[in-house]
Protein backbone atom coordinates (compact mmCIF):
# COMPACT_ATOMS: atom_id res chain seq x y z
CA MET A 1 -0.20 -0.13 -0.04
CA GLU A 2 2.95 2.10 0.55
CA ARG A 3 3.99 2.14 -3.03
CA ILE A 4 0.40 2.96 -3.50
CA ASP A 5 0.08 5.69 -1.62
CA ARG A 6 3.20 7.47 -3.12
CA VAL A 7 1.94 7.18 -6.54
CA VAL A 8 -1.61 8.24 -5.69
CA LEU A 9 0.05 11.30 -3.51
CA LYS A 10 1.75 12.37 -6.75
CA ASN A 11 -0.96 12.76 -9.05
CA ALA A 12 -3.30 14.16 -7.03
CA ARG A 13 -0.24 17.12 -6.12
CA GLY A 14 0.19 17.12 -9.91
CA HIS A 15 -3.98 17.80 -10.10
CA ALA A 16 -3.67 20.60 -7.31
CA TYR A 17 -1.25 22.37 -9.03
CA PHE A 18 -2.60 22.17 -12.57
CA GLU A 19 -5.89 23.18 -11.23
CA TYR A 20 -5.27 25.62 -8.59
CA GLY A 21 -1.69 26.97 -9.35
CA GLU A 22 -0.56 26.00 -5.97
CA PRO A 23 1.93 23.27 -5.11
CA ARG A 24 0.85 21.25 -1.98
CA MET A 25 4.21 20.06 -1.35
CA GLU A 26 3.54 19.17 2.91
CA ALA A 27 2.50 16.37 4.24
CA PRO A 28 -1.44 15.64 3.50
CA LEU A 29 -3.80 14.62 6.59
CA ARG A 30 -4.79 11.88 4.55
CA VAL A 31 -3.88 9.28 1.50
CA TRP A 32 -6.08 6.59 0.98
CA ALA A 33 -6.97 4.17 -1.95
CA ARG A 34 -9.88 2.06 -1.94
CA PRO A 35 -11.65 -0.51 -4.90
CA LEU A 36 -15.11 1.03 -5.51
CA GLU A 37 -16.38 -2.56 -5.41
CA SER A 38 -15.84 -2.32 -1.42
CA MET A 39 -17.81 0.68 -0.89
CA SER A 40 -21.58 0.60 -0.04
CA GLU A 41 -23.84 2.02 -2.00
CA SER A 42 -24.11 5.33 -0.18
CA GLU A 43 -20.48 5.56 0.11
CA ARG A 44 -19.89 5.55 -3.42
CA ALA A 45 -22.73 8.18 -3.85
CA GLU A 46 -20.86 10.48 -1.32
CA PHE A 47 -17.09 10.01 -2.93
CA GLU A 48 -18.71 10.60 -6.34
CA GLY A 49 -21.00 13.53 -5.75
CA LEU A 50 -18.82 16.15 -4.48
CA ARG A 51 -21.05 19.05 -4.90
CA ALA A 52 -23.68 17.34 -2.69
CA ALA A 53 -21.01 16.86 0.05
CA GLY A 54 -19.98 20.48 -0.23
CA GLY A 55 -17.67 20.36 -3.12
CA LEU A 56 -17.17 22.68 -6.32
CA ALA A 57 -19.56 25.30 -6.79
CA ALA A 58 -20.86 25.85 -10.13
CA TRP A 59 -18.39 28.93 -11.26
CA PRO A 60 -15.30 27.93 -8.88
CA GLU A 61 -12.70 30.87 -9.03
CA VAL A 62 -9.50 30.47 -8.82
CA GLY A 63 -7.73 33.29 -7.49
CA SER A 64 -9.36 35.83 -9.60
CA ARG A 65 -10.20 33.83 -12.48
CA MET A 66 -11.84 30.86 -13.60
CA THR A 67 -10.63 27.85 -14.61
CA THR A 68 -11.34 27.70 -18.59
CA ARG A 69 -12.27 24.01 -18.21
CA ILE A 70 -15.15 24.97 -15.58
CA ALA A 71 -16.16 27.54 -17.61
CA THR A 72 -16.54 25.61 -21.13
CA GLY A 73 -17.62 22.54 -19.68
CA LEU A 74 -14.75 20.85 -21.68
CA ASP A 75 -14.02 17.23 -20.37
CA MET A 76 -16.27 17.47 -17.14
CA ASP A 77 -18.44 14.98 -16.12
CA GLY A 78 -20.45 16.96 -13.05
CA ASP A 79 -17.38 17.96 -10.59
CA TRP A 80 -15.31 15.23 -12.39
CA VAL A 81 -12.16 15.64 -15.04
CA VAL A 82 -12.41 13.05 -17.41
CA VAL A 83 -9.07 12.29 -18.71
CA GLN A 84 -9.81 9.09 -20.66
CA ASP A 85 -13.53 7.50 -20.70
CA GLY A 86 -13.31 4.62 -18.42
CA THR A 87 -9.65 4.51 -17.63
CA TYR A 88 -9.10 7.91 -15.78
CA ARG A 89 -11.21 10.74 -13.68
CA TYR A 90 -10.23 13.36 -10.91
CA ALA A 91 -11.87 15.94 -9.12
CA VAL A 92 -10.26 18.74 -6.96
CA ASP A 93 -12.62 20.91 -4.50
CA ASP A 94 -11.31 23.44 -2.04
CA ALA A 95 -14.72 23.05 0.42
CA GLU A 96 -12.84 21.63 3.81
CA GLY A 97 -9.31 22.03 3.03
CA LEU A 98 -7.76 21.01 -0.97
CA ARG A 99 -9.28 17.41 -1.38
CA VAL A 100 -8.35 15.41 -4.66
CA ARG A 101 -10.26 12.42 -5.68
CA SER A 102 -9.68 9.86 -8.65
CA ILE A 103 -10.85 6.74 -9.99
CA VAL A 104 -8.35 4.73 -11.81
CA TRP A 105 -10.09 2.06 -14.59
CA GLU A 106 -13.80 2.52 -12.58
CA TYR A 107 -12.00 0.34 -9.94
CA LEU A 108 -9.96 2.36 -7.98
CA ALA A 109 -11.01 5.25 -5.90
CA THR A 110 -8.62 7.53 -4.27
CA GLU A 111 -8.53 10.82 -2.00
CA VAL A 112 -5.49 13.07 -0.92
CA HIS A 113 -6.76 15.80 1.83
CA TRP A 114 -4.79 18.96 3.08
CA GLU A 115 -5.75 21.37 5.28
CA SER A 116 -6.66 24.98 4.25
């Protein structure tokens, strides 16, 4: 798990920097990975439903500008950025600190969470 956590953290740092322009080099509060099939329906709904759980606003601002992706809806599925359909998607929100979630191969759910 330690090796998987290192990869999950590295990807999350890249997504946080790309989406918010903020490098996150400090240790996160939590890093975890879990197969989607091991989640209950309510756990999976909470994990994938960021907006319902206080995640991204309809037009989140990044500093003084909105991200082009959010403004155009390009590659978006709700709050998720779809890198490759069925292969990789991720979501970043800053409602309760900075949180990066991803789903790999519609199998592995990951989350990295930093304090604000």
